[in-house]
Amino acid sequence: MFNKAKRSFYLLLLPFLIAATFMSASTKNSALLADKHKTNGVSCEDCHLTKKPTKAAKIDKCLECHEGYEGMAKRTAKKEEGPHVYLANINPHDSHIGKIECNECHSAHKEPHKSFCDRCHTFDFDSNKKKR
């Protein structure tokens, strides 16, 4: 009787363990930008200019802290060497389209958007990698 109850308990627990494993794996590297900002000491008021924001921050605030479009392009530049590294060196912040608004790819309070570049290309940008 005890073994049957124990087995039933584990069978009921198994789906929750599987779900928890998948949820933690999928969100492990996808912390929201708002959470990343908070971890780095940036408050809601720093971006939204109010303690209880009701709308998105202005792009100018992003550019102010992230050194403008040119600064972001420089910070995210890649310089891998070797044959066939062209695709590895593509910088989403140095677009041939020109200056693209930050919120075309980034969202502070929702899961990241698909890359603006993916509208025409099929690059595999990993927005969660540490930047140099």
N, C-alpha and C. Protein backbone atom coordinates (compact mmCIF):
# COMPACT_ATOMS: atom_id res chain seq x y z
N MET A 1 0.82 -1.20 0.00
CA MET A 1 0.00 0.00 0.00
C MET A 1 0.86 1.26 0.00
N PHE A 2 1.90 1.29 0.86
CA PHE A 2 2.79 2.45 0.94
C PHE A 2 3.49 2.69 -0.40
N ASN A 3 3.97 1.62 -1.05
CA ASN A 3 4.66 1.75 -2.32
C ASN A 3 3.73 2.31 -3.40
N LYS A 4 2.47 1.88 -3.36
CA LYS A 4 1.51 2.36 -4.35
C LYS A 4 1.24 3.86 -4.16
N ALA A 5 1.11 4.30 -2.93
CA ALA A 5 0.89 5.72 -2.63
C ALA A 5 2.12 6.54 -3.02
N LYS A 6 3.28 6.01 -2.72
CA LYS A 6 4.53 6.69 -3.06
C LYS A 6 4.66 6.82 -4.59
N ARG A 7 4.35 5.75 -5.28
CA ARG A 7 4.42 5.75 -6.74
C ARG A 7 3.43 6.76 -7.33
N SER A 8 2.23 6.79 -6.80
CA SER A 8 1.21 7.75 -7.26
C SER A 8 1.67 9.19 -7.03
N PHE A 9 2.27 9.41 -5.88
CA PHE A 9 2.77 10.75 -5.56
C PHE A 9 3.81 11.19 -6.58
N TYR A 10 4.76 10.32 -6.88
CA TYR A 10 5.80 10.65 -7.85
C TYR A 10 5.24 10.84 -9.26
N LEU A 11 4.25 10.04 -9.62
CA LEU A 11 3.63 10.19 -10.93
C LEU A 11 2.88 11.53 -11.04
N LEU A 12 2.28 11.97 -9.95
CA LEU A 12 1.61 13.26 -9.95
C LEU A 12 2.61 14.41 -9.95
N LEU A 13 3.73 14.22 -9.32
CA LEU A 13 4.77 15.25 -9.22
C LEU A 13 5.56 15.40 -10.52
N LEU A 14 5.70 14.34 -11.27
CA LEU A 14 6.53 14.33 -12.46
C LEU A 14 6.17 15.43 -13.47
N PRO A 15 4.91 15.63 -13.84
CA PRO A 15 4.61 16.70 -14.81
C PRO A 15 5.03 18.09 -14.33
N PHE A 16 4.90 18.33 -13.03
CA PHE A 16 5.31 19.63 -12.49
C PHE A 16 6.83 19.80 -12.56
N LEU A 17 7.56 18.75 -12.29
CA LEU A 17 9.03 18.82 -12.39
C LEU A 17 9.47 19.05 -13.82
N ILE A 18 8.83 18.38 -14.76
CA ILE A 18 9.17 18.56 -16.18
C ILE A 18 8.86 19.99 -16.61
N ALA A 19 7.69 20.49 -16.24
CA ALA A 19 7.31 21.86 -16.61
C ALA A 19 8.28 22.87 -16.00
N ALA A 20 8.64 22.68 -14.74
CA ALA A 20 9.58 23.60 -14.09
C ALA A 20 10.93 23.58 -14.77
N THR A 21 11.38 22.42 -15.20
CA THR A 21 12.67 22.31 -15.90
C THR A 21 12.63 23.10 -17.20
N PHE A 22 11.59 22.93 -17.99
CA PHE A 22 11.49 23.64 -19.26
C PHE A 22 11.32 25.14 -19.05
N MET A 23 10.55 25.54 -18.06
CA MET A 23 10.35 26.97 -17.82
C MET A 23 11.64 27.62 -17.38
N SER A 24 12.42 26.98 -16.51
CA SER A 24 13.66 27.59 -16.06
C SER A 24 14.69 27.61 -17.18
N ALA A 25 14.70 26.61 -18.04
CA ALA A 25 15.65 26.59 -19.16
C ALA A 25 15.31 27.68 -20.16
N SER A 26 14.03 27.91 -20.41
CA SER A 26 13.66 28.90 -21.43
C SER A 26 13.78 30.33 -20.91
N THR A 27 13.69 30.55 -19.61
CA THR A 27 13.77 31.90 -19.08
C THR A 27 15.11 32.20 -18.44
N LYS A 28 15.96 31.22 -18.36
CA LYS A 28 17.24 31.39 -17.69
C LYS A 28 18.04 32.57 -18.25
N ASN A 29 18.11 32.69 -19.57
CA ASN A 29 18.89 33.74 -20.20
C ASN A 29 18.04 34.84 -20.79
N SER A 30 16.77 34.87 -20.46
CA SER A 30 15.92 35.88 -21.08
C SER A 30 15.31 36.81 -20.04
N ALA A 31 16.13 37.23 -19.08
CA ALA A 31 15.62 38.17 -18.09
C ALA A 31 15.13 39.42 -18.81
N LEU A 32 14.06 39.98 -18.33
CA LEU A 32 13.50 41.18 -18.94
C LEU A 32 14.48 42.33 -18.78
N LEU A 33 14.48 43.25 -19.75
CA LEU A 33 15.37 44.40 -19.68
C LEU A 33 15.13 45.20 -18.40
N ALA A 34 13.88 45.32 -17.98
CA ALA A 34 13.58 46.06 -16.75
C ALA A 34 14.30 45.42 -15.56
N ASP A 35 14.33 44.08 -15.52
CA ASP A 35 15.01 43.38 -14.43
C ASP A 35 16.52 43.58 -14.51
N LYS A 36 17.05 43.54 -15.73
CA LYS A 36 18.49 43.76 -15.90
C LYS A 36 18.87 45.17 -15.49
N HIS A 37 18.03 46.14 -15.85
CA HIS A 37 18.28 47.52 -15.45
C HIS A 37 18.25 47.65 -13.93
N LYS A 38 17.25 47.05 -13.30
CA LYS A 38 17.11 47.13 -11.84
C LYS A 38 18.34 46.53 -11.16
N THR A 39 18.82 45.39 -11.68
CA THR A 39 20.00 44.74 -11.13
C THR A 39 21.22 45.66 -11.20
N ASN A 40 21.25 46.50 -12.23
CA ASN A 40 22.37 47.44 -12.40
C ASN A 40 22.10 48.80 -11.76
N GLY A 41 21.10 48.88 -10.90
CA GLY A 41 20.84 50.10 -10.14
C GLY A 41 20.07 51.16 -10.89
N VAL A 42 19.42 50.81 -11.98
CA VAL A 42 18.63 51.77 -12.75
C VAL A 42 17.17 51.64 -12.30
N SER A 43 16.61 52.73 -11.85
CA SER A 43 15.22 52.69 -11.35
C SER A 43 14.23 52.97 -12.48
N CYS A 44 12.97 52.70 -12.22
CA CYS A 44 11.91 53.01 -13.19
C CYS A 44 11.96 54.50 -13.54
N GLU A 45 12.14 55.32 -12.51
CA GLU A 45 12.14 56.77 -12.69
C GLU A 45 13.30 57.24 -13.58
N ASP A 46 14.43 56.53 -13.55
CA ASP A 46 15.56 56.90 -14.38
C ASP A 46 15.20 56.88 -15.87
N CYS A 47 14.40 55.91 -16.28
CA CYS A 47 14.03 55.78 -17.70
C CYS A 47 12.72 56.49 -18.03
N HIS A 48 11.74 56.34 -17.14
CA HIS A 48 10.39 56.83 -17.43
C HIS A 48 10.12 58.25 -16.90
N LEU A 49 11.04 58.75 -16.08
CA LEU A 49 10.93 60.09 -15.49
C LEU A 49 9.75 60.24 -14.55
N THR A 50 9.24 59.11 -14.06
CA THR A 50 8.16 59.11 -13.06
C THR A 50 8.27 57.81 -12.27
N LYS A 51 7.84 57.85 -11.00
CA LYS A 51 7.95 56.66 -10.16
C LYS A 51 6.98 55.55 -10.55
N LYS A 52 5.82 55.92 -11.06
CA LYS A 52 4.82 54.93 -11.46
C LYS A 52 4.49 55.13 -12.94
N PRO A 53 5.33 54.59 -13.80
CA PRO A 53 5.14 54.82 -15.24
C PRO A 53 3.86 54.18 -15.78
N THR A 54 3.28 54.85 -16.75
CA THR A 54 2.09 54.32 -17.42
C THR A 54 2.32 54.13 -18.91
N LYS A 55 3.45 54.63 -19.42
CA LYS A 55 3.77 54.43 -20.83
C LYS A 55 5.26 54.20 -21.01
N ALA A 56 5.62 53.80 -22.18
CA ALA A 56 7.02 53.45 -22.48
C ALA A 56 7.94 54.65 -22.28
N ALA A 57 9.18 54.33 -21.95
CA ALA A 57 10.20 55.37 -21.84
C ALA A 57 10.51 55.90 -23.24
N LYS A 58 10.96 57.12 -23.31
CA LYS A 58 11.35 57.73 -24.59
C LYS A 58 12.69 57.13 -25.03
N ILE A 59 12.83 56.93 -26.31
CA ILE A 59 14.05 56.35 -26.87
C ILE A 59 15.27 57.20 -26.50
N ASP A 60 15.08 58.51 -26.36
CA ASP A 60 16.19 59.39 -25.99
C ASP A 60 16.84 58.95 -24.68
N LYS A 61 16.03 58.43 -23.75
CA LYS A 61 16.58 57.97 -22.47
C LYS A 61 17.46 56.74 -22.68
N CYS A 62 17.06 55.84 -23.58
CA CYS A 62 17.89 54.67 -23.89
C CYS A 62 19.24 55.14 -24.45
N LEU A 63 19.14 56.04 -25.43
CA LEU A 63 20.34 56.50 -26.12
C LEU A 63 21.26 57.29 -25.20
N GLU A 64 20.68 58.00 -24.25
CA GLU A 64 21.46 58.79 -23.30
C GLU A 64 22.38 57.88 -22.47
N CYS A 65 21.84 56.81 -21.95
CA CYS A 65 22.63 55.90 -21.11
C CYS A 65 23.51 54.94 -21.91
N HIS A 66 23.05 54.60 -23.11
CA HIS A 66 23.77 53.60 -23.90
C HIS A 66 24.65 54.23 -24.97
N GLU A 67 25.00 55.50 -24.78
CA GLU A 67 25.97 56.21 -25.62
C GLU A 67 25.53 56.36 -27.07
N GLY A 68 24.23 56.55 -27.28
CA GLY A 68 23.71 56.78 -28.62
C GLY A 68 23.83 55.56 -29.52
N TYR A 69 23.38 55.72 -30.73
CA TYR A 69 23.43 54.63 -31.70
C TYR A 69 24.88 54.22 -31.97
N GLU A 70 25.75 55.20 -32.11
CA GLU A 70 27.15 54.92 -32.41
C GLU A 70 27.82 54.17 -31.25
N GLY A 71 27.50 54.58 -30.03
CA GLY A 71 28.06 53.91 -28.86
C GLY A 71 27.62 52.46 -28.76
N MET A 72 26.32 52.22 -29.02
CA MET A 72 25.83 50.83 -28.99
C MET A 72 26.47 50.00 -30.08
N ALA A 73 26.63 50.58 -31.26
CA ALA A 73 27.27 49.84 -32.36
C ALA A 73 28.70 49.48 -31.98
N LYS A 74 29.39 50.41 -31.33
CA LYS A 74 30.78 50.14 -30.91
C LYS A 74 30.82 49.07 -29.82
N ARG A 75 29.90 49.16 -28.86
CA ARG A 75 29.87 48.19 -27.75
C ARG A 75 29.54 46.78 -28.20
N THR A 76 28.76 46.66 -29.27
CA THR A 76 28.33 45.34 -29.71
C THR A 76 29.07 44.85 -30.96
N ALA A 77 30.12 45.57 -31.34
CA ALA A 77 30.91 45.16 -32.51
C ALA A 77 31.62 43.84 -32.20
N LYS A 78 31.70 42.99 -33.19
CA LYS A 78 32.35 41.69 -33.03
C LYS A 78 33.51 41.65 -34.01
N LYS A 79 34.58 41.05 -33.60
CA LYS A 79 35.75 40.99 -34.46
C LYS A 79 36.33 39.57 -34.47
N GLU A 80 35.48 38.62 -34.81
CA GLU A 80 35.97 37.25 -34.91
C GLU A 80 36.78 37.10 -36.17
N GLU A 81 37.81 36.30 -36.09
CA GLU A 81 38.69 36.12 -37.25
C GLU A 81 38.62 34.70 -37.77
N GLY A 82 39.00 34.55 -39.01
CA GLY A 82 39.02 33.24 -39.62
C GLY A 82 38.15 33.22 -40.86
N PRO A 83 38.17 32.10 -41.55
CA PRO A 83 37.37 32.01 -42.78
C PRO A 83 35.88 31.96 -42.45
N HIS A 84 35.08 32.55 -43.29
CA HIS A 84 33.62 32.48 -43.20
C HIS A 84 33.06 33.08 -41.91
N VAL A 85 33.61 34.19 -41.44
CA VAL A 85 33.12 34.79 -40.20
C VAL A 85 32.22 35.99 -40.45
N TYR A 86 31.92 36.28 -41.71
CA TYR A 86 31.10 37.44 -42.02
C TYR A 86 29.81 37.45 -41.20
N LEU A 87 29.08 36.36 -41.21
CA LEU A 87 27.80 36.31 -40.48
C LEU A 87 28.00 36.42 -38.98
N ALA A 88 29.10 35.88 -38.48
CA ALA A 88 29.37 35.96 -37.04
C ALA A 88 29.67 37.39 -36.61
N ASN A 89 30.11 38.22 -37.53
CA ASN A 89 30.48 39.60 -37.20
C ASN A 89 29.39 40.63 -37.47
N ILE A 90 28.22 40.18 -37.88
CA ILE A 90 27.14 41.14 -38.14
C ILE A 90 26.70 41.76 -36.82
N ASN A 91 26.59 43.06 -36.83
CA ASN A 91 26.24 43.81 -35.63
C ASN A 91 24.83 44.39 -35.81
N PRO A 92 23.86 43.94 -35.04
CA PRO A 92 22.49 44.43 -35.20
C PRO A 92 22.34 45.92 -34.86
N HIS A 93 23.33 46.50 -34.18
CA HIS A 93 23.26 47.92 -33.83
C HIS A 93 24.00 48.79 -34.84
N ASP A 94 24.45 48.20 -35.93
CA ASP A 94 25.12 48.94 -37.00
C ASP A 94 24.45 48.51 -38.31
N SER A 95 23.22 48.94 -38.47
CA SER A 95 22.38 48.46 -39.56
C SER A 95 22.55 49.27 -40.84
N HIS A 96 22.44 48.59 -41.95
CA HIS A 96 22.45 49.27 -43.24
C HIS A 96 21.15 50.06 -43.45
N ILE A 97 20.15 49.81 -42.63
CA ILE A 97 18.88 50.53 -42.70
C ILE A 97 19.04 51.93 -42.10
N GLY A 98 20.00 52.06 -41.19
CA GLY A 98 20.19 53.33 -40.48
C GLY A 98 19.80 53.17 -39.03
N LYS A 99 19.41 54.26 -38.42
CA LYS A 99 19.07 54.26 -37.00
C LYS A 99 17.67 53.69 -36.81
N ILE A 100 17.61 52.56 -36.11
CA ILE A 100 16.34 51.87 -35.85
C ILE A 100 15.98 52.11 -34.39
N GLU A 101 14.74 52.47 -34.12
CA GLU A 101 14.32 52.71 -32.74
C GLU A 101 14.55 51.46 -31.89
N CYS A 102 15.04 51.66 -30.69
CA CYS A 102 15.40 50.56 -29.79
C CYS A 102 14.25 49.57 -29.61
N ASN A 103 13.02 50.09 -29.48
CA ASN A 103 11.87 49.23 -29.20
C ASN A 103 11.42 48.39 -30.40
N GLU A 104 12.08 48.54 -31.53
CA GLU A 104 11.80 47.64 -32.66
C GLU A 104 12.28 46.22 -32.33
N CYS A 105 13.32 46.12 -31.50
CA CYS A 105 13.86 44.80 -31.12
C CYS A 105 13.76 44.55 -29.61
N HIS A 106 13.83 45.61 -28.83
CA HIS A 106 13.89 45.47 -27.37
C HIS A 106 12.59 45.89 -26.71
N SER A 107 12.25 45.18 -25.65
CA SER A 107 11.10 45.52 -24.83
C SER A 107 11.51 45.35 -23.38
N ALA A 108 11.26 46.35 -22.57
CA ALA A 108 11.71 46.30 -21.18
C ALA A 108 10.86 45.40 -20.29
N HIS A 109 9.58 45.29 -20.60
CA HIS A 109 8.67 44.59 -19.70
C HIS A 109 8.01 43.37 -20.29
N LYS A 110 8.38 42.98 -21.49
CA LYS A 110 7.86 41.77 -22.13
C LYS A 110 9.04 40.99 -22.68
N GLU A 111 8.77 39.79 -23.12
CA GLU A 111 9.82 39.00 -23.76
C GLU A 111 10.38 39.79 -24.94
N PRO A 112 11.66 39.61 -25.24
CA PRO A 112 12.25 40.36 -26.35
C PRO A 112 11.51 40.13 -27.67
N HIS A 113 11.45 41.18 -28.45
CA HIS A 113 10.86 41.09 -29.78
C HIS A 113 11.79 40.29 -30.68
N LYS A 114 11.28 39.88 -31.79
CA LYS A 114 12.13 39.30 -32.81
C LYS A 114 12.97 40.43 -33.39
N SER A 115 14.16 40.14 -33.78
CA SER A 115 15.06 41.15 -34.32
C SER A 115 14.45 41.85 -35.53
N PHE A 116 14.65 43.15 -35.62
CA PHE A 116 14.20 43.93 -36.77
C PHE A 116 14.81 43.35 -38.05
N CYS A 117 16.04 42.89 -37.96
CA CYS A 117 16.75 42.33 -39.12
C CYS A 117 16.02 41.11 -39.68
N ASP A 118 15.34 40.38 -38.80
CA ASP A 118 14.65 39.15 -39.21
C ASP A 118 13.47 39.41 -40.14
N ARG A 119 13.12 40.65 -40.34
CA ARG A 119 12.05 40.95 -41.29
C ARG A 119 12.48 40.60 -42.72
N CYS A 120 13.79 40.72 -42.96
CA CYS A 120 14.31 40.40 -44.29
C CYS A 120 15.36 39.29 -44.28
N HIS A 121 16.07 39.16 -43.15
CA HIS A 121 17.18 38.21 -43.04
C HIS A 121 16.83 37.09 -42.08
N THR A 122 17.70 36.10 -42.00
CA THR A 122 17.51 34.99 -41.06
C THR A 122 18.73 34.81 -40.17
N PHE A 123 19.21 35.91 -39.61
CA PHE A 123 20.35 35.85 -38.69
C PHE A 123 19.91 35.23 -37.37
N ASP A 124 20.87 34.70 -36.64
CA ASP A 124 20.57 34.11 -35.34
C ASP A 124 21.28 34.93 -34.26
N PHE A 125 20.72 36.11 -33.97
CA PHE A 125 21.32 36.95 -32.94
C PHE A 125 20.93 36.39 -31.58
N ASP A 126 21.89 36.31 -30.68
CA ASP A 126 21.59 35.89 -29.32
C ASP A 126 21.62 37.14 -28.47
N SER A 127 20.45 37.72 -28.22
CA SER A 127 20.38 38.97 -27.47
C SER A 127 20.76 38.82 -26.01
N ASN A 128 20.96 37.62 -25.55
CA ASN A 128 21.28 37.40 -24.15
C ASN A 128 22.76 37.17 -23.88
N LYS A 129 23.58 37.15 -24.93
CA LYS A 129 25.01 36.96 -24.72
C LYS A 129 25.59 38.20 -24.07
N LYS A 130 26.60 37.99 -23.25
CA LYS A 130 27.31 39.11 -22.65
C LYS A 130 28.00 39.89 -23.75
N LYS A 131 27.91 41.20 -23.68
CA LYS A 131 28.55 42.05 -24.66
C LYS A 131 29.96 42.37 -24.18
N ARG A 132 30.85 42.53 -25.15
CA ARG A 132 32.24 42.86 -24.79
C ARG A 132 32.35 44.27 -24.35
